[in-house]
């Protein structure tokens, strides 16, 4: 492989990494929006008469969604840092490709954990509501 084709490959890799980063950001935005909707649902329920056990359960879910928000926001900051790393590579060429690959791998794992964790918690919330809220 000559230098020019290696350069093109690197540009293609960087474009792919940016595409993945953009996909992750959209997914994070969606999960954060889902969290807002769940917290709004909790507020709606609490406007109606509920017993203390229900209040405690809803507080548990409210706290859980707030904790998920923290996790998602921290991941969002890591993605912003990753984007800066990609830009640095594009303009300075001093950033090590290995550092970018390792960061990408780490974020991919964190995204997978965050999605599974959030979706499991959200499922439990919806199951709780389905079992305890009478329409």
Protein backbone atom coordinates (compact mmCIF):
# COMPACT_ATOMS: atom_id res chain seq x y z
CA UNK A 1 0.00 0.00 0.00
CA UNK A 2 1.46 3.35 -0.95
CA UNK A 3 1.36 6.51 1.15
CA UNK A 4 -1.50 8.07 -0.82
CA UNK A 5 -3.83 5.05 -0.41
CA UNK A 6 -2.98 4.91 3.30
CA UNK A 7 -3.93 8.58 3.55
CA UNK A 8 -7.26 7.94 1.82
CA UNK A 9 -7.92 4.97 4.07
CA UNK A 10 -7.25 7.11 7.12
CA UNK A 11 -9.63 9.75 5.83
CA UNK A 12 -12.26 7.04 5.26
CA UNK A 13 -11.69 5.69 8.76
CA UNK A 14 -12.01 9.15 10.26
CA UNK A 15 -15.22 9.72 8.31
CA UNK A 16 -16.57 6.42 9.66
CA UNK A 17 -15.60 7.34 13.21
CA UNK A 18 -17.38 10.69 12.83
CA UNK A 19 -20.45 8.91 11.44
CA UNK A 20 -20.48 6.60 14.46
CA UNK A 21 -20.07 9.55 16.81
CA UNK A 22 -23.00 11.34 15.19
CA UNK A 23 -25.12 8.19 15.48
CA UNK A 24 -24.26 7.88 19.17
CA UNK A 25 -25.15 11.54 19.76
CA UNK A 26 -28.56 11.06 18.14
CA UNK A 27 -29.13 7.96 20.27
CA UNK A 28 -28.15 9.84 23.43
CA UNK A 29 -30.49 12.68 22.54
CA UNK A 30 -33.31 10.16 22.11
CA UNK A 31 -32.60 8.47 25.46
CA UNK A 32 -32.46 11.84 27.24
CA UNK A 33 -35.79 12.78 25.66
CA UNK A 34 -37.29 9.47 26.81
CA UNK A 35 -36.08 10.26 30.31
CA UNK A 36 -37.80 13.66 30.21
CA UNK A 37 -41.03 12.00 29.09
CA UNK A 38 -40.84 9.45 31.92
CA UNK A 39 -40.22 12.14 34.53
CA UNK A 40 -43.14 14.14 33.13
CA UNK A 41 -45.31 11.03 33.42
CA UNK A 42 -44.30 10.66 37.06
CA UNK A 43 -45.27 14.30 37.68
CA UNK A 44 -48.66 13.71 36.04
CA UNK A 45 -49.34 10.70 38.25
CA UNK A 46 -48.34 12.58 41.40
CA UNK A 47 -50.90 15.28 40.65
CA UNK A 48 -53.55 12.70 41.43
CA UNK A 49 -54.26 11.08 44.80
CA UNK A 50 -51.87 8.18 45.35
CA UNK A 51 -50.92 6.20 48.43
CA UNK A 52 -47.55 6.44 50.15
CA UNK A 53 -46.31 3.16 48.68
CA UNK A 54 -46.94 4.52 45.17
CA UNK A 55 -45.16 7.76 46.08
CA UNK A 56 -42.12 5.78 47.26
CA UNK A 57 -42.05 3.70 44.08
CA UNK A 58 -42.35 6.78 41.92
CA UNK A 59 -39.55 8.47 43.86
CA UNK A 60 -37.40 5.41 43.19
CA UNK A 61 -38.07 5.69 39.45
CA UNK A 62 -37.60 9.47 39.46
CA UNK A 63 -34.20 9.06 41.16
CA UNK A 64 -33.31 6.31 38.72
CA UNK A 65 -34.09 8.43 35.69
CA UNK A 66 -32.05 11.29 37.15
CA UNK A 67 -29.13 8.90 37.63
CA UNK A 68 -29.51 7.67 34.04
CA UNK A 69 -29.44 11.31 32.91
CA UNK A 70 -26.11 11.77 34.67
CA UNK A 71 -24.69 8.71 32.94
CA UNK A 72 -25.96 9.84 29.56
CA UNK A 73 -24.65 13.40 30.02
CA UNK A 74 -21.22 12.09 31.01
CA UNK A 75 -21.21 9.96 27.89
CA UNK A 76 -22.25 12.97 25.83
CA UNK A 77 -19.21 14.84 27.18
CA UNK A 78 -16.98 11.90 26.22
CA UNK A 79 -18.40 12.01 22.71
CA UNK A 80 -17.63 15.73 22.49
CA UNK A 81 -14.08 14.96 23.57
CA UNK A 82 -13.89 12.18 20.97
CA UNK A 83 -15.04 14.62 18.28
CA UNK A 84 -12.29 17.04 19.31
CA UNK A 85 -9.80 14.18 19.08
CA UNK A 86 -10.99 13.42 15.55
CA UNK A 87 -10.68 17.08 14.53
CA UNK A 88 -7.21 17.21 15.99
CA UNK A 89 -6.25 14.17 13.91
CA UNK A 90 -7.64 15.78 10.76
CA UNK A 91 -5.87 19.11 11.21
CA UNK A 92 -2.71 18.25 13.11
CA UNK A 93 -2.02 14.62 12.26
CA UNK A 94 -0.28 14.32 15.65
CA UNK A 95 -3.02 12.41 17.37
CA UNK A 96 -2.18 8.75 17.48
CA UNK A 97 -4.55 6.51 15.59
CA UNK A 98 -4.33 4.00 18.44
CA UNK A 99 -5.66 6.60 20.90
CA UNK A 100 -8.62 7.25 18.60
CA UNK A 101 -9.33 3.53 18.19
CA UNK A 102 -9.15 2.93 21.94
CA UNK A 103 -11.42 5.88 22.70
CA UNK A 104 -13.89 4.68 20.08
CA UNK A 105 -13.90 1.17 21.53
CA UNK A 106 -14.42 2.53 25.04
CA UNK A 107 -17.31 4.77 23.96
CA UNK A 108 -18.90 1.92 22.02
CA UNK A 109 -18.86 -0.24 25.16
CA UNK A 110 -20.22 2.59 27.30
CA UNK A 111 -22.99 3.27 24.79
CA UNK A 112 -23.99 -0.37 24.81
CA UNK A 113 -24.10 -0.40 28.61
CA UNK A 114 -26.00 2.91 28.78
CA UNK A 115 -28.60 1.79 26.26
CA UNK A 116 -29.17 -1.56 27.94
CA UNK A 117 -29.29 -0.02 31.38
CA UNK A 118 -31.70 2.73 30.36
CA UNK A 119 -33.97 0.49 28.33
CA UNK A 120 -34.15 -2.09 31.12
CA UNK A 121 -34.99 0.58 33.67
CA UNK A 122 -37.57 2.15 31.37
CA UNK A 123 -39.14 -1.27 30.77
CA UNK A 124 -39.42 -1.84 34.53
CA UNK A 125 -40.99 1.60 34.92
CA UNK A 126 -43.57 0.90 32.24
CA UNK A 127 -44.34 -2.54 33.69
CA UNK A 128 -44.79 -0.95 37.12
CA UNK A 129 -47.18 1.63 35.71
CA UNK A 130 -49.12 -0.97 33.74
CA UNK A 131 -49.57 -3.06 36.88
CA UNK A 132 -50.41 -0.19 39.25
CA UNK A 133 -52.19 2.54 37.32
CA UNK A 134 -55.85 2.07 36.56
CA UNK A 135 -57.07 4.10 33.63
